[in-house]
Structures are given as structure tokens and as C-alpha cells.
C-alpha atoms as a PDB file:
ATOM      1  CA  UNK A   1      91.102 -29.476  65.963  1.00  0.00           C
ATOM      2  CA  UNK A   2      87.995 -28.005  67.601  1.00  0.00           C
ATOM      3  CA  UNK A   3      88.443 -24.968  69.817  1.00  0.00           C
ATOM      4  CA  UNK A   4      87.229 -25.236  73.378  1.00  0.00           C
ATOM      5  CA  UNK A   5      84.306 -23.083  74.440  1.00  0.00           C
ATOM      6  CA  UNK A   6      86.571 -21.198  76.858  1.00  0.00           C
ATOM      7  CA  UNK A   7      89.120 -20.448  74.139  1.00  0.00           C
ATOM      8  CA  UNK A   8      86.322 -19.300  71.818  1.00  0.00           C
ATOM      9  CA  UNK A   9      84.934 -16.945  74.500  1.00  0.00           C
ATOM     10  CA  UNK A  10      88.411 -15.592  75.281  1.00  0.00           C
ATOM     11  CA  UNK A  11      89.103 -14.887  71.603  1.00  0.00           C
ATOM     12  CA  UNK A  12      85.708 -13.236  71.174  1.00  0.00           C
ATOM     13  CA  UNK A  13      86.299 -11.024  74.223  1.00  0.00           C
ATOM     14  CA  UNK A  14      89.761 -10.036  72.926  1.00  0.00           C
ATOM     15  CA  UNK A  15      88.422  -9.300  69.434  1.00  0.00           C
ATOM     16  CA  UNK A  16      85.599  -7.124  70.755  1.00  0.00           C
ATOM     17  CA  UNK A  17      88.027  -5.060  72.833  1.00  0.00           C
ATOM     18  CA  UNK A  18      90.942  -4.827  70.404  1.00  0.00           C
ATOM     19  CA  UNK A  19      89.860  -5.260  66.802  1.00  0.00           C
ATOM     20  CA  UNK A  20      87.543  -3.676  64.276  1.00  0.00           C
ATOM     21  CA  UNK A  21      86.266  -5.338  61.125  1.00  0.00           C
ATOM     22  CA  UNK A  22      86.102  -3.432  57.849  1.00  0.00           C
ATOM     23  CA  UNK A  23      84.207  -4.940  54.924  1.00  0.00           C
ATOM     24  CA  UNK A  24      84.608  -3.993  51.268  1.00  0.00           C
ATOM     25  CA  UNK A  25      82.213  -4.905  48.518  1.00  0.00           C
ATOM     26  CA  UNK A  26      83.925  -5.268  45.130  1.00  0.00           C
ATOM     27  CA  UNK A  27      82.399  -5.892  41.720  1.00  0.00           C
ATOM     28  CA  UNK A  28      83.661  -9.107  40.152  1.00  0.00           C
ATOM     29  CA  UNK A  29      84.057  -7.656  36.647  1.00  0.00           C
ATOM     30  CA  UNK A  30      84.849  -3.995  37.333  1.00  0.00           C
ATOM     31  CA  UNK A  31      87.382  -4.811  40.043  1.00  0.00           C
ATOM     32  CA  UNK A  32      88.941  -7.855  38.400  1.00  0.00           C
ATOM     33  CA  UNK A  33      92.352  -6.163  38.391  1.00  0.00           C
ATOM     34  CA  UNK A  34      92.170  -5.786  42.164  1.00  0.00           C
ATOM     35  CA  UNK A  35      91.235  -9.444  42.646  1.00  0.00           C
ATOM     36  CA  UNK A  36      94.057 -10.528  40.353  1.00  0.00           C
ATOM     37  CA  UNK A  37      96.604  -8.442  42.271  1.00  0.00           C
ATOM     38  CA  UNK A  38      95.323  -9.586  45.675  1.00  0.00           C
ATOM     39  CA  UNK A  39      95.457 -13.237  44.626  1.00  0.00           C
ATOM     40  CA  UNK A  40      99.200 -12.840  44.009  1.00  0.00           C
ATOM     41  CA  UNK A  41      99.870 -11.531  47.514  1.00  0.00           C
ATOM     42  CA  UNK A  42     101.014 -13.853  50.268  1.00  0.00           C
ATOM     43  CA  UNK A  43      98.914 -11.830  52.732  1.00  0.00           C
ATOM     44  CA  UNK A  44      95.943  -9.859  51.442  1.00  0.00           C
ATOM     45  CA  UNK A  45      95.527  -8.032  54.739  1.00  0.00           C
ATOM     46  CA  UNK A  46      99.234  -7.253  54.940  1.00  0.00           C
ATOM     47  CA  UNK A  47      99.342  -5.962  51.361  1.00  0.00           C
ATOM     48  CA  UNK A  48      96.324  -3.702  51.883  1.00  0.00           C
ATOM     49  CA  UNK A  49      97.704  -2.344  55.162  1.00  0.00           C
ATOM     50  CA  UNK A  50     101.069  -1.637  53.517  1.00  0.00           C
ATOM     51  CA  UNK A  51      99.415   0.341  50.703  1.00  0.00           C
ATOM     52  CA  UNK A  52      97.323   2.346  53.174  1.00  0.00           C
ATOM     53  CA  UNK A  53     100.349   3.164  55.322  1.00  0.00           C
ATOM     54  CA  UNK A  54     102.321   4.285  52.234  1.00  0.00           C
ATOM     55  CA  UNK A  55      99.461   6.607  51.331  1.00  0.00           C
ATOM     56  CA  UNK A  56      99.298   7.982  54.883  1.00  0.00           C
ATOM     57  CA  UNK A  57     103.049   8.738  54.796  1.00  0.00           C
ATOM     58  CA  UNK A  58     102.699  10.369  51.382  1.00  0.00           C
ATOM     59  CA  UNK A  59      99.830  12.572  52.583  1.00  0.00           C
ATOM     60  CA  UNK A  60     101.715  13.517  55.761  1.00  0.00           C
ATOM     61  CA  UNK A  61     104.776  14.539  53.716  1.00  0.00           C
ATOM     62  CA  UNK A  62     102.673  16.696  51.410  1.00  0.00           C
ATOM     63  CA  UNK A  63     101.134  18.584  54.374  1.00  0.00           C
ATOM     64  CA  UNK A  64     104.539  19.822  55.524  1.00  0.00           C
END
């Protein structure tokens, strides 16, 4: 179903104010293990965010 122009503008305005895009460039052969793991995840974004947050917690614990 096509999105109305107003809905498109509203989403664009929200995204500009509240989101930030991060792009990664991966090598097909060298990073094949990463692609294979990501393909098994139900949510690639969710899986990546979970790993980052685990690392943040780990680093915060080691600083204490």
C-alpha cells in the first residue's frame, strides 16, 4: 500500500530529529562468518544492538 505524501513527510521529519544511520561496509569473503551469523538472526539490528550493549556493560564493569 503506498504511503501518503503527508505520512512520508511526517516519518522523514521524525527520523531526522530522532534517529541516526550507521553504515558498515563488510567484505563478502573475509566477513562471511559475520554474514552467516546475521542471516540466522530474527532481527539483525536487534542482534547487533544486543552485542554492543553487552560489550558496554562488560567495559563498565571492568572500569570499577
